[in-house]
Amino acid sequence: TLARDVLVDVATNGVTDAECARAKGSLRGGLVLGLEDSASRMN
């Protein structure tokens, strides 16, 4: 029930600007950190 409530809320009301900014920062940081070794770049 809680999981569905979260999904319904996001579908109805969306995410906030702050959440979007934090998510983008997390993706950018994860990408850079994930490419620190040659195997990741190869993949």
Full PDB file with SEQRES, HELIX, SHEET, SSBOND, CRYST1, ORIGX, SCALE, CONECT and MASTER records, all heavy atoms in Angstrom:
SEQRES   1 A   43  THR LEU ALA ARG ASP VAL LEU VAL ASP VAL ALA THR ASN          
SEQRES   2 A   43  GLY VAL THR ASP ALA GLU CYS ALA ARG ALA LYS GLY SER          
SEQRES   3 A   43  LEU ARG GLY GLY LEU VAL LEU GLY LEU GLU ASP SER ALA          
SEQRES   4 A   43  SER ARG MET ASN                                              
HELIX    1 AA1 LEU A    2  ASN A   13  1                                  12    
HELIX    2 AA2 ASP A   17  GLY A   34  1                                  18    
HELIX    3 AA3 SER A   38  MET A   42  1                                   5    
CRYST1    1.000    1.000    1.000  90.00  90.00  90.00 P 1           1          
ORIGX1      1.000000  0.000000  0.000000        0.00000                         
ORIGX2      0.000000  1.000000  0.000000        0.00000                         
ORIGX3      0.000000  0.000000  1.000000        0.00000                         
SCALE1      1.000000  0.000000  0.000000        0.00000                         
SCALE2      0.000000  1.000000  0.000000        0.00000                         
SCALE3      0.000000  0.000000  1.000000        0.00000                         
ATOM      1  N   THR A   1       0.823  -1.206   0.000  1.00  0.00           N  
ATOM      2  CA  THR A   1       0.000   0.000   0.000  1.00  0.00           C  
ATOM      3  C   THR A   1       0.859   1.259   0.000  1.00  0.00           C  
ATOM      4  O   THR A   1       0.583   2.219  -0.735  1.00  0.00           O  
ATOM      5  CB  THR A   1      -0.935   0.002   1.221  1.00  0.00           C  
ATOM      6  OG1 THR A   1      -1.787  -1.145   1.157  1.00  0.00           O  
ATOM      7  CG2 THR A   1      -1.786   1.261   1.254  1.00  0.00           C  
ATOM      8  N   LEU A   2       1.900   1.270   0.823  1.00  0.00           N  
ATOM      9  CA  LEU A   2       2.785   2.431   0.871  1.00  0.00           C  
ATOM     10  C   LEU A   2       3.492   2.655  -0.461  1.00  0.00           C  
ATOM     11  O   LEU A   2       3.613   3.799  -0.925  1.00  0.00           O  
ATOM     12  CB  LEU A   2       3.814   2.254   1.985  1.00  0.00           C  
ATOM     13  CG  LEU A   2       3.284   2.360   3.416  1.00  0.00           C  
ATOM     14  CD1 LEU A   2       4.350   1.892   4.404  1.00  0.00           C  
ATOM     15  CD2 LEU A   2       2.879   3.806   3.723  1.00  0.00           C  
ATOM     16  N   ALA A   3       3.965   1.579  -1.078  1.00  0.00           N  
ATOM     17  CA  ALA A   3       4.656   1.701  -2.365  1.00  0.00           C  
ATOM     18  C   ALA A   3       3.707   2.263  -3.423  1.00  0.00           C  
ATOM     19  O   ALA A   3       4.078   3.149  -4.206  1.00  0.00           O  
ATOM     20  CB  ALA A   3       5.211   0.355  -2.797  1.00  0.00           C  
ATOM     21  N   ARG A   4       2.494   1.736  -3.442  1.00  0.00           N  
ATOM     22  CA  ARG A   4       1.528   2.245  -4.421  1.00  0.00           C  
ATOM     23  C   ARG A   4       1.208   3.711  -4.145  1.00  0.00           C  
ATOM     24  O   ARG A   4       1.086   4.505  -5.078  1.00  0.00           O  
ATOM     25  CB  ARG A   4       0.252   1.407  -4.404  1.00  0.00           C  
ATOM     26  CG  ARG A   4      -0.802   1.996  -5.337  1.00  0.00           C  
ATOM     27  CD  ARG A   4      -1.891   1.047  -5.734  1.00  0.00           C  
ATOM     28  NE  ARG A   4      -2.857   1.727  -6.574  1.00  0.00           N  
ATOM     29  CZ  ARG A   4      -2.691   1.994  -7.867  1.00  0.00           C  
ATOM     30  NH1 ARG A   4      -1.578   1.622  -8.478  1.00  0.00           N  
ATOM     31  NH2 ARG A   4      -3.617   2.621  -8.559  1.00  0.00           N  
ATOM     32  N   ASP A   5       1.079   4.087  -2.889  1.00  0.00           N  
ATOM     33  CA  ASP A   5       0.805   5.483  -2.563  1.00  0.00           C  
ATOM     34  C   ASP A   5       1.909   6.401  -3.083  1.00  0.00           C  
ATOM     35  O   ASP A   5       1.640   7.495  -3.588  1.00  0.00           O  
ATOM     36  CB  ASP A   5       0.651   5.659  -1.051  1.00  0.00           C  
ATOM     37  CG  ASP A   5      -0.656   5.070  -0.520  1.00  0.00           C  
ATOM     38  OD1 ASP A   5      -1.535   4.745  -1.345  1.00  0.00           O  
ATOM     39  OD2 ASP A   5      -0.772   4.921   0.710  1.00  0.00           O  
ATOM     40  N   VAL A   6       3.147   5.956  -2.957  1.00  0.00           N  
ATOM     41  CA  VAL A   6       4.269   6.747  -3.463  1.00  0.00           C  
ATOM     42  C   VAL A   6       4.173   6.900  -4.973  1.00  0.00           C  
ATOM     43  O   VAL A   6       4.318   8.004  -5.526  1.00  0.00           O  
ATOM     44  CB  VAL A   6       5.614   6.104  -3.071  1.00  0.00           C  
ATOM     45  CG1 VAL A   6       6.769   6.750  -3.834  1.00  0.00           C  
ATOM     46  CG2 VAL A   6       5.851   6.226  -1.578  1.00  0.00           C  
ATOM     47  N   LEU A   7       3.914   5.802  -5.672  1.00  0.00           N  
ATOM     48  CA  LEU A   7       3.842   5.851  -7.136  1.00  0.00           C  
ATOM     49  C   LEU A   7       2.667   6.705  -7.602  1.00  0.00           C  
ATOM     50  O   LEU A   7       2.792   7.479  -8.557  1.00  0.00           O  
ATOM     51  CB  LEU A   7       3.728   4.435  -7.691  1.00  0.00           C  
ATOM     52  CG  LEU A   7       4.935   3.531  -7.440  1.00  0.00           C  
ATOM     53  CD1 LEU A   7       4.673   2.133  -7.993  1.00  0.00           C  
ATOM     54  CD2 LEU A   7       6.205   4.106  -8.055  1.00  0.00           C  
ATOM     55  N   VAL A   8       1.532   6.581  -6.935  1.00  0.00           N  
ATOM     56  CA  VAL A   8       0.359   7.380  -7.303  1.00  0.00           C  
ATOM     57  C   VAL A   8       0.631   8.855  -7.057  1.00  0.00           C  
ATOM     58  O   VAL A   8       0.273   9.717  -7.871  1.00  0.00           O  
ATOM     59  CB  VAL A   8      -0.881   6.907  -6.520  1.00  0.00           C  
ATOM     60  CG1 VAL A   8      -2.034   7.907  -6.682  1.00  0.00           C  
ATOM     61  CG2 VAL A   8      -1.320   5.534  -6.996  1.00  0.00           C  
ATOM     62  N   ASP A   9       1.281   9.161  -5.953  1.00  0.00           N  
ATOM     63  CA  ASP A   9       1.584  10.563  -5.642  1.00  0.00           C  
ATOM     64  C   ASP A   9       2.531  11.160  -6.676  1.00  0.00           C  
ATOM     65  O   ASP A   9       2.342  12.303  -7.120  1.00  0.00           O  
ATOM     66  CB  ASP A   9       2.190  10.671  -4.242  1.00  0.00           C  
ATOM     67  CG  ASP A   9       2.471  12.112  -3.858  1.00  0.00           C  
ATOM     68  OD1 ASP A   9       1.518  12.915  -3.800  1.00  0.00           O  
ATOM     69  OD2 ASP A   9       3.653  12.445  -3.634  1.00  0.00           O  
ATOM     70  N   VAL A  10       3.548  10.390  -7.071  1.00  0.00           N  
ATOM     71  CA  VAL A  10       4.486  10.894  -8.076  1.00  0.00           C  
ATOM     72  C   VAL A  10       3.787  11.061  -9.420  1.00  0.00           C  
ATOM     73  O   VAL A  10       4.014  12.038 -10.140  1.00  0.00           O  
ATOM     74  CB  VAL A  10       5.701   9.949  -8.200  1.00  0.00           C  
ATOM     75  CG1 VAL A  10       6.587  10.362  -9.369  1.00  0.00           C  
ATOM     76  CG2 VAL A  10       6.516   9.952  -6.912  1.00  0.00           C  
ATOM     77  N   ALA A  11       2.921  10.110  -9.773  1.00  0.00           N  
ATOM     78  CA  ALA A  11       2.191  10.215 -11.035  1.00  0.00           C  
ATOM     79  C   ALA A  11       1.253  11.421 -11.041  1.00  0.00           C  
ATOM     80  O   ALA A  11       1.075  12.088 -12.066  1.00  0.00           O  
ATOM     81  CB  ALA A  11       1.394   8.939 -11.291  1.00  0.00           C  
ATOM     82  N   THR A  12       0.657  11.713  -9.889  1.00  0.00           N  
ATOM     83  CA  THR A  12      -0.339  12.785  -9.800  1.00  0.00           C  
ATOM     84  C   THR A  12       0.305  14.152  -9.574  1.00  0.00           C  
ATOM     85  O   THR A  12      -0.037  15.133 -10.250  1.00  0.00           O  
ATOM     86  CB  THR A  12      -1.328  12.500  -8.658  1.00  0.00           C  
ATOM     87  OG1 THR A  12      -1.921  11.214  -8.860  1.00  0.00           O  
ATOM     88  CG2 THR A  12      -2.410  13.566  -8.603  1.00  0.00           C  
ATOM     89  N   ASN A  13       1.226  14.202  -8.626  1.00  0.00           N  
ATOM     90  CA  ASN A  13       1.787  15.494  -8.216  1.00  0.00           C  
ATOM     91  C   ASN A  13       3.215  15.722  -8.691  1.00  0.00           C  
ATOM     92  O   ASN A  13       3.727  16.835  -8.585  1.00  0.00           O  
ATOM     93  CB  ASN A  13       1.736  15.613  -6.691  1.00  0.00           C  
ATOM     94  CG  ASN A  13       0.320  15.478  -6.163  1.00  0.00           C  
ATOM     95  OD1 ASN A  13      -0.596  16.115  -6.670  1.00  0.00           O  
ATOM     96  ND2 ASN A  13       0.133  14.647  -5.147  1.00  0.00           N  
ATOM     97  N   GLY A  14       3.857  14.668  -9.171  1.00  0.00           N  
ATOM     98  CA  GLY A  14       5.216  14.813  -9.668  1.00  0.00           C  
ATOM     99  C   GLY A  14       6.257  14.907  -8.578  1.00  0.00           C  
ATOM    100  O   GLY A  14       5.963  14.785  -7.386  1.00  0.00           O  
ATOM    101  N   VAL A  15       7.488  15.098  -8.999  1.00  0.00           N  
ATOM    102  CA  VAL A  15       8.584  15.336  -8.068  1.00  0.00           C  
ATOM    103  C   VAL A  15       8.840  16.833  -7.998  1.00  0.00           C  
ATOM    104  O   VAL A  15       8.466  17.588  -8.902  1.00  0.00           O  
ATOM    105  CB  VAL A  15       9.869  14.593  -8.505  1.00  0.00           C  
ATOM    106  CG1 VAL A  15       9.635  13.098  -8.567  1.00  0.00           C  
ATOM    107  CG2 VAL A  15      10.375  15.107  -9.848  1.00  0.00           C  
ATOM    108  N   THR A  16       9.473  17.263  -6.947  1.00  0.00           N  
ATOM    109  CA  THR A  16       9.738  18.691  -6.771  1.00  0.00           C  
ATOM    110  C   THR A  16      11.011  19.091  -7.502  1.00  0.00           C  
ATOM    111  O   THR A  16      11.818  18.243  -7.912  1.00  0.00           O  
ATOM    112  CB  THR A  16       9.888  19.031  -5.279  1.00  0.00           C  
ATOM    113  OG1 THR A  16      11.068  18.372  -4.773  1.00  0.00           O  
ATOM    114  CG2 THR A  16       8.671  18.567  -4.483  1.00  0.00           C  
ATOM    115  N   ASP A  17      11.201  20.391  -7.642  1.00  0.00           N  
ATOM    116  CA  ASP A  17      12.437  20.891  -8.252  1.00  0.00           C  
ATOM    117  C   ASP A  17      13.655  20.451  -7.444  1.00  0.00           C  
ATOM    118  O   ASP A  17      14.701  20.115  -8.017  1.00  0.00           O  
ATOM    119  CB  ASP A  17      12.404  22.416  -8.336  1.00  0.00           C  
ATOM    120  CG  ASP A  17      11.405  22.931  -9.367  1.00  0.00           C  
ATOM    121  OD1 ASP A  17      11.106  22.180 -10.327  1.00  0.00           O  
ATOM    122  OD2 ASP A  17      10.927  24.069  -9.212  1.00  0.00           O  
ATOM    123  N   ALA A  18      13.514  20.455  -6.126  1.00  0.00           N  
ATOM    124  CA  ALA A  18      14.631  20.054  -5.270  1.00  0.00           C  
ATOM    125  C   ALA A  18      14.965  18.575  -5.465  1.00  0.00           C  
ATOM    126  O   ALA A  18      16.136  18.195  -5.539  1.00  0.00           O  
ATOM    127  CB  ALA A  18      14.299  20.339  -3.804  1.00  0.00           C  
ATOM    128  N   GLU A  19      13.936  17.737  -5.546  1.00  0.00           N  
ATOM    129  CA  GLU A  19      14.173  16.310  -5.777  1.00  0.00           C  
ATOM    130  C   GLU A  19      14.819  16.075  -7.130  1.00  0.00           C  
ATOM    131  O   GLU A  19      15.717  15.234  -7.271  1.00  0.00           O  
ATOM    132  CB  GLU A  19      12.848  15.546  -5.687  1.00  0.00           C  
ATOM    133  CG  GLU A  19      12.311  15.380  -4.277  1.00  0.00           C  
ATOM    134  CD  GLU A  19      10.979  14.679  -4.261  1.00  0.00           C  
ATOM    135  OE1 GLU A  19      10.109  15.021  -5.090  1.00  0.00           O  
ATOM    136  OE2 GLU A  19      10.782  13.787  -3.408  1.00  0.00           O  
ATOM    137  N   CYS A  20      14.366  16.806  -8.127  1.00  0.00           N  
ATOM    138  CA  CYS A  20      14.937  16.667  -9.464  1.00  0.00           C  
ATOM    139  C   CYS A  20      16.409  17.065  -9.459  1.00  0.00           C  
ATOM    140  O   CYS A  20      17.254  16.368 -10.037  1.00  0.00           O  
ATOM    141  CB  CYS A  20      14.150  17.524 -10.455  1.00  0.00           C  
ATOM    142  SG  CYS A  20      14.673  17.344 -12.170  1.00  0.00           S  
ATOM    143  N   ALA A  21      16.726  18.164  -8.809  1.00  0.00           N  
ATOM    144  CA  ALA A  21      18.115  18.628  -8.754  1.00  0.00           C  
ATOM    145  C   ALA A  21      18.999  17.627  -8.018  1.00  0.00           C  
ATOM    146  O   ALA A  21      20.133  17.337  -8.452  1.00  0.00           O  
ATOM    147  CB  ALA A  21      18.174  19.990  -8.078  1.00  0.00           C  
ATOM    148  N   ARG A  22      18.504  17.081  -6.905  1.00  0.00           N  
ATOM    149  CA  ARG A  22      19.289  16.096  -6.161  1.00  0.00           C  
ATOM    150  C   ARG A  22      19.488  14.822  -6.960  1.00  0.00           C  
ATOM    151  O   ARG A  22      20.553  14.209  -6.942  1.00  0.00           O  
ATOM    152  CB  ARG A  22      18.612  15.772  -4.829  1.00  0.00           C  
ATOM    153  CG  ARG A  22      18.761  16.860  -3.772  1.00  0.00           C  
ATOM    154  CD  ARG A  22      18.429  16.355  -2.390  1.00  0.00           C  
ATOM    155  NE  ARG A  22      17.060  15.885  -2.299  1.00  0.00           N  
ATOM    156  CZ  ARG A  22      16.707  14.674  -1.918  1.00  0.00           C  
ATOM    157  NH1 ARG A  22      17.628  13.772  -1.624  1.00  0.00           N  
ATOM    158  NH2 ARG A  22      15.430  14.329  -1.835  1.00  0.00           N  
ATOM    159  N   ALA A  23      18.439  14.410  -7.683  1.00  0.00           N  
ATOM    160  CA  ALA A  23      18.542  13.198  -8.495  1.00  0.00           C  
ATOM    161  C   ALA A  23      19.558  13.382  -9.614  1.00  0.00           C  
ATOM    162  O   ALA A  23      20.348  12.474  -9.906  1.00  0.00           O  
ATOM    163  CB  ALA A  23      17.169  12.838  -9.065  1.00  0.00           C  
ATOM    164  N   LYS A  24      19.549  14.524 -10.245  1.00  0.00           N  
ATOM    165  CA  LYS A  24      20.518  14.788 -11.313  1.00  0.00           C  
ATOM    166  C   LYS A  24      21.935  14.804 -10.753  1.00  0.00           C  
ATOM    167  O   LYS A  24      22.865  14.271 -11.373  1.00  0.00           O  
ATOM    168  CB  LYS A  24      20.196  16.107 -12.012  1.00  0.00           C  
ATOM    169  CG  LYS A  24      18.923  16.060 -12.824  1.00  0.00           C  
ATOM    170  CD  LYS A  24      18.787  17.248 -13.765  1.00  0.00           C  
ATOM    171  CE  LYS A  24      18.648  18.560 -13.046  1.00  0.00           C  
ATOM    172  NZ  LYS A  24      18.428  19.683 -14.000  1.00  0.00           N  
ATOM    173  N   GLY A  25      22.100  15.398  -9.587  1.00  0.00           N  
ATOM    174  CA  GLY A  25      23.416  15.405  -8.956  1.00  0.00           C  
ATOM    175  C   GLY A  25      23.891  14.008  -8.623  1.00  0.00           C  
ATOM    176  O   GLY A  25      25.072  13.670  -8.802  1.00  0.00           O  
ATOM    177  N   SER A  26      22.966  13.169  -8.158  1.00  0.00           N  
ATOM    178  CA  SER A  26      23.321  11.787  -7.840  1.00  0.00           C  
ATOM    179  C   SER A  26      23.722  11.015  -9.096  1.00  0.00           C  
ATOM    180  O   SER A  26      24.702  10.255  -9.085  1.00  0.00           O  
ATOM    181  CB  SER A  26      22.130  11.100  -7.164  1.00  0.00           C  
ATOM    182  OG  SER A  26      22.403   9.744  -6.902  1.00  0.00           O  
ATOM    183  N   LEU A  27      22.997  11.206 -10.186  1.00  0.00           N  
ATOM    184  CA  LEU A  27      23.320  10.529 -11.438  1.00  0.00           C  
ATOM    185  C   LEU A  27      24.682  10.975 -11.973  1.00  0.00           C  
ATOM    186  O   LEU A  27      25.487  10.156 -12.424  1.00  0.00           O  
ATOM    187  CB  LEU A  27      22.243  10.810 -12.482  1.00  0.00           C  
ATOM    188  CG  LEU A  27      20.933  10.043 -12.344  1.00  0.00           C  
ATOM    189  CD1 LEU A  27      19.901  10.587 -13.327  1.00  0.00           C  
ATOM    190  CD2 LEU A  27      21.158   8.558 -12.588  1.00  0.00           C  
ATOM    191  N   ARG A  28      24.913  12.267 -11.932  1.00  0.00           N  
ATOM    192  CA  ARG A  28      26.181  12.793 -12.443  1.00  0.00           C  
ATOM    193  C   ARG A  28      27.355  12.273 -11.616  1.00  0.00           C  
ATOM    194  O   ARG A  28      28.381  11.833 -12.151  1.00  0.00           O  
ATOM    195  CB  ARG A  28      26.151  14.333 -12.421  1.00  0.00           C  
ATOM    196  CG  ARG A  28      25.283  14.945 -13.507  1.00  0.00           C  
ATOM    197  CD  ARG A  28      24.970  16.413 -13.220  1.00  0.00           C  
ATOM    198  NE  ARG A  28      26.174  17.189 -12.968  1.00  0.00           N  
ATOM    199  CZ  ARG A  28      26.890  17.779 -13.927  1.00  0.00           C  
ATOM    200  NH1 ARG A  28      26.505  17.682 -15.189  1.00  0.00           N  
ATOM    201  NH2 ARG A  28      27.970  18.475 -13.636  1.00  0.00           N  
ATOM    202  N   GLY A  29      27.209  12.317 -10.287  1.00  0.00           N  
ATOM    203  CA  GLY A  29      28.277  11.819  -9.430  1.00  0.00           C  
ATOM    204  C   GLY A  29      28.510  10.337  -9.601  1.00  0.00           C  
ATOM    205  O   GLY A  29      29.656   9.872  -9.650  1.00  0.00           O  
ATOM    206  N   GLY A  30      27.422   9.565  -9.726  1.00  0.00           N  
ATOM    207  CA  GLY A  30      27.557   8.126  -9.918  1.00  0.00           C  
ATOM    208  C   GLY A  30      28.239   7.780 -11.217  1.00  0.00           C  
ATOM    209  O   GLY A  30      29.025   6.822 -11.285  1.00  0.00           O  
ATOM    210  N   LEU A  31      27.941   8.551 -12.271  1.00  0.00           N  
ATOM    211  CA  LEU A  31      28.570   8.298 -13.569  1.00  0.00           C  
ATOM    212  C   LEU A  31      30.076   8.517 -13.497  1.00  0.00           C  
ATOM    213  O   LEU A  31      30.863   7.687 -13.953  1.00  0.00           O  
ATOM    214  CB  LEU A  31      27.956   9.220 -14.623  1.00  0.00           C  
ATOM    215  CG  LEU A  31      28.633   9.195 -15.999  1.00  0.00           C  
ATOM    216  CD1 LEU A  31      28.506   7.814 -16.634  1.00  0.00           C  
ATOM    217  CD2 LEU A  31      28.028  10.260 -16.913  1.00  0.00           C  
ATOM    218  N   VAL A  32      30.477   9.612 -12.912  1.00  0.00           N  
ATOM    219  CA  VAL A  32      31.904   9.928 -12.834  1.00  0.00           C  
ATOM    220  C   VAL A  32      32.640   8.910 -11.968  1.00  0.00           C  
ATOM    221  O   VAL A  32      33.695   8.388 -12.344  1.00  0.00           O  
ATOM    222  CB  VAL A  32      32.111  11.357 -12.293  1.00  0.00           C  
ATOM    223  CG1 VAL A  32      33.588  11.628 -12.048  1.00  0.00           C  
ATOM    224  CG2 VAL A  32      31.543  12.379 -13.282  1.00  0.00           C  
ATOM    225  N   LEU A  33      32.077   8.602 -10.799  1.00  0.00           N  
ATOM    226  CA  LEU A  33      32.725   7.633  -9.909  1.00  0.00           C  
ATOM    227  C   LEU A  33      32.762   6.238 -10.529  1.00  0.00           C  
ATOM    228  O   LEU A  33      33.717   5.485 -10.322  1.00  0.00           O  
ATOM    229  CB  LEU A  33      31.990   7.583  -8.562  1.00  0.00           C  
ATOM    230  CG  LEU A  33      32.125   8.819  -7.677  1.00  0.00           C  
ATOM    231  CD1 LEU A  33      31.236   8.687  -6.445  1.00  0.00           C  
ATOM    232  CD2 LEU A  33      33.579   9.029  -7.254  1.00  0.00           C  
ATOM    233  N   GLY A  34      31.728   5.913 -11.295  1.00  0.00           N  
ATOM    234  CA  GLY A  34      31.670   4.593 -11.894  1.00  0.00           C  
ATOM    235  C   GLY A  34      32.634   4.379 -13.030  1.00  0.00           C  
ATOM    236  O   GLY A  34      32.826   3.250 -13.491  1.00  0.00           O  
ATOM    237  N   LEU A  35      33.247   5.443 -13.517  1.00  0.00           N  
ATOM    238  CA  LEU A  35      34.192   5.323 -14.639  1.00  0.00           C  
ATOM    239  C   LEU A  35      35.634   5.504 -14.193  1.00  0.00           C  
ATOM    240  O   LEU A  35      36.501   5.838 -15.001  1.00  0.00           O  
ATOM    241  CB  LEU A  35      33.839   6.352 -15.718  1.00  0.00           C  
ATOM    242  CG  LEU A  35      32.493   6.135 -16.429  1.00  0.00           C  
ATOM    243  CD1 LEU A  35      32.226   7.261 -17.412  1.00  0.00           C  
ATOM    244  CD2 LEU A  35      32.475   4.791 -17.135  1.00  0.00           C  
ATOM    245  N   GLU A  36      35.886   5.261 -12.909  1.00  0.00           N  
ATOM    246  CA  GLU A  36      37.248   5.448 -12.407  1.00  0.00           C  
ATOM    247  C   GLU A  36      38.163   4.285 -12.755  1.00  0.00           C  
ATOM    248  O   GLU A  36      39.375   4.401 -12.613  1.00  0.00           O  
ATOM    249  CB  GLU A  36      37.219   5.652 -10.889  1.00  0.00           C  
ATOM    250  CG  GLU A  36      36.674   7.020 -10.482  1.00  0.00           C  
ATOM    251  CD  GLU A  36      36.839   7.274  -8.997  1.00  0.00           C  
ATOM    252  OE1 GLU A  36      36.925   6.294  -8.239  1.00  0.00           O  
ATOM    253  OE2 GLU A  36      36.882   8.451  -8.604  1.00  0.00           O  
ATOM    254  N   ASP A  37      37.611   3.151 -13.190  1.00  0.00           N  
ATOM    255  CA  ASP A  37      38.470   2.026 -13.559  1.00  0.00           C  
ATOM    256  C   ASP A  37      38.272   1.695 -15.038  1.00  0.00           C  
ATOM    257  O   ASP A  37      37.248   2.006 -15.641  1.00  0.00           O  
ATOM    258  CB  ASP A  37      38.168   0.804 -12.693  1.00  0.00           C  
ATOM    259  CG  ASP A  37      36.741   0.309 -12.871  1.00  0.00           C  
ATOM    260  OD1 ASP A  37      35.848   0.825 -12.174  1.00  0.00           O  
ATOM    261  OD2 ASP A  37      36.529  -0.564 -13.717  1.00  0.00           O  
ATOM    262  N   SER A  38      39.254   1.042 -15.610  1.00  0.00           N  
ATOM    263  CA  SER A  38      39.239   0.757 -17.048  1.00  0.00           C  
ATOM    264  C   SER A  38      38.114  -0.195 -17.436  1.00  0.00           C  
ATOM    265  O   SER A  38      37.539  -0.079 -18.525  1.00  0.00           O  
ATOM    266  CB  SER A  38      40.588   0.164 -17.481  1.00  0.00           C  
ATOM    267  OG  SER A  38      41.629   1.100 -17.288  1.00  0.00           O  
ATOM    268  N   ALA A  39      37.787  -1.154 -16.567  1.00  0.00           N  
ATOM    269  CA  ALA A  39      36.727  -2.109 -16.895  1.00  0.00           C  
ATOM    270  C   ALA A  39      35.394  -1.395 -17.102  1.00  0.00           C  
ATOM    271  O   ALA A  39      34.632  -1.745 -18.017  1.00  0.00           O  
ATOM    272  CB  ALA A  39      36.611  -3.150 -15.787  1.00  0.00           C  
ATOM    273  N   SER A  40      35.097  -0.397 -16.287  1.00  0.00           N  
ATOM    274  CA  SER A  40      33.847   0.345 -16.430  1.00  0.00           C  
ATOM    275  C   SER A  40      33.817   1.116 -17.745  1.00  0.00           C  
ATOM    276  O   SER A  40      32.789   1.162 -18.436  1.00  0.00           O  
ATOM    277  CB  SER A  40      33.658   1.309 -15.258  1.00  0.00           C  
ATOM    278  OG  SER A  40      33.542   0.606 -14.041  1.00  0.00           O  
ATOM    279  N   ARG A  41      34.939   1.709 -18.094  1.00  0.00           N  
ATOM    280  CA  ARG A  41      34.994   2.444 -19.364  1.00  0.00           C  
ATOM    281  C   ARG A  41      34.872   1.493 -20.551  1.00  0.00           C  
ATOM    282  O   ARG A  41      34.228   1.804 -21.550  1.00  0.00           O  
ATOM    283  CB  ARG A  41      36.291   3.260 -19.439  1.00  0.00           C  
ATOM    284  CG  ARG A  41      36.303   4.413 -18.460  1.00  0.00           C  
ATOM    285  CD  ARG A  41      37.575   5.236 -18.552  1.00  0.00           C  
ATOM    286  NE  ARG A  41      37.503   6.377 -17.655  1.00  0.00           N  
ATOM    287  CZ  ARG A  41      37.050   7.587 -17.993  1.00  0.00           C  
ATOM    288  NH1 ARG A  41      36.633   7.804 -19.228  1.00  0.00           N  
ATOM    289  NH2 ARG A  41      37.017   8.572 -17.116  1.00  0.00           N  
ATOM    290  N   MET A  42      35.481   0.330 -20.423  1.00  0.00           N  
ATOM    291  CA  MET A  42      35.377  -0.671 -21.481  1.00  0.00           C  
ATOM    292  C   MET A  42      33.921  -1.089 -21.665  1.00  0.00           C  
ATOM    293  O   MET A  42      33.425  -1.155 -22.793  1.00  0.00           O  
ATOM    294  CB  MET A  42      36.228  -1.887 -21.119  1.00  0.00           C  
ATOM    295  CG  MET A  42      36.087  -3.072 -22.071  1.00  0.00           C  
ATOM    296  SD  MET A  42      36.845  -4.562 -21.394  1.00  0.00           S  
ATOM    297  CE  MET A  42      35.712  -4.929 -20.042  1.00  0.00           C  
ATOM    298  N   ASN A  43      33.231  -1.369 -20.569  1.00  0.00           N  
ATOM    299  CA  ASN A  43      31.828  -1.752 -20.656  1.00  0.00           C  
ATOM    300  C   ASN A  43      30.969  -0.639 -21.234  1.00  0.00           C  
ATOM    301  O   ASN A  43      30.029  -0.889 -21.999  1.00  0.00           O  
ATOM    302  CB  ASN A  43      31.306  -2.157 -19.277  1.00  0.00           C  
ATOM    303  CG  ASN A  43      31.738  -3.555 -18.878  1.00  0.00           C  
ATOM    304  OD1 ASN A  43      31.617  -4.488 -19.655  1.00  0.00           O  
ATOM    305  ND2 ASN A  43      32.261  -3.706 -17.673  1.00  0.00           N  
TER     306      ASN A  43                                                      
MASTER        0    0    0    3    0    0    0    6  305    1    0    4          
END                                                                             
